[in-house]
Amino acid sequence: MPYVLLFFVFAALAVVFSSFVTVQQGYVAVITVFGKYRRVLAPGLNFKIPLIEQIYRKLSIQNRSVELDFQAVTIDQANVYFKAMLLYAVIDQKEETIVNVAFKFVDDRSLMQALIRTVEGSIRGFVATKKQAEILSLRRDLVEDVKQHIDHTLESWGYHLIDLQLNDITFDEAIMTSMSRVVASNNLKAAAENEGQALLITKTKAAEAEGNAIKISASAEREAAQLRGQGVALFREEVAKGMSNAAKEMQQVNLDASMIMFSMWTESIKNFAEVGKGNVIFIDGSPEGMQNSVKQLMAMNQLDEVKKAELHKAKQ
């Protein structure tokens, strides 16, 4: 009799303890009664009716990820290889959503198979309408198209697509090699064009600089020649003034003005002798030669005075 009582005590304690259920954070538990859905247990410590209510399934409401590795064919019959990462989760924790997730598929393996095949089929359908050369530039459009097509399907299962990452898109080795050659040739072409433009700019700038230098040099030479001419003109003007004053003074004391020209002629010969660098000058030193030289100098002086008088009349 004591053993029977002890058995019933232990059985009662087991029933009492089995009525308490702990659900981990990030999960919910689905309760059934004789195989029919009853309610949902939230995370934490929960109570269920012993022997009547059963835990049918514990569902994760956390984000899940799955990696995809598959092949597609473009409209121009090129093979495209994709490596993608799919991130999805339960839409919310409402009872209707949890029931849909719990009873839509037999197990998680069936869900994964359906989800992967749906995503792969959507990507293959998009790729089949595009050419091989367009695929890499349409990565964003491809992701948006897949999301648009499978979001409604996932919602009917109680899930929603959070993100789809196309981590790698590759082609057959022959296509990859040809693409590399095209890129290399385009780079060489662009480099050659840039070098040609740079050379053209360099030569153009050099020609412009040389032209400006020639203009500056010519302008400087013109100004220098003008200044030299002005200096010579001023020198001659001062000499003429000095000779005119000297001639007037000599006339006042009754001296021949030709002595001025003779003095200048002798000073010139003296200067040639002093600063000359070995040059030979032939001069007629006879009285007749000296007289002829003085006459020539006086004639040149008179010719200058005539030209100045004519120029003065022309100005008037």
Foldseek 3Di string as FASTA:
>chain_A
DVVVVVVVVVVVVVQVVVQKDAAAPQKKWFKDFPPHTDFIHHHGIDGHHGPGIDGPDIDGQDKDKDWDWDWAAELVGWIKIWIKMWIKGFPDPDGVLVVLQSPVDPDVVVVVVVVRVLLVVQLNVVRHHDDPVCVVVCVVVSQVSSQVVCQVVVVSSRMGTDGMGGPDMDTDPVVVVVVVVVVVVVVVVVVVVVVVVVVVVVVVVVVVVVVVVVVVVVVVVVVVVVVVVVVVVVVVVVVVVVLVVVQVVCVVVPHDSLVVVLVVVVVVVVVCVPPPDPDDDDAPPDPVRSVVSSVVVVVVVVVVVVVVVVVVVVVD
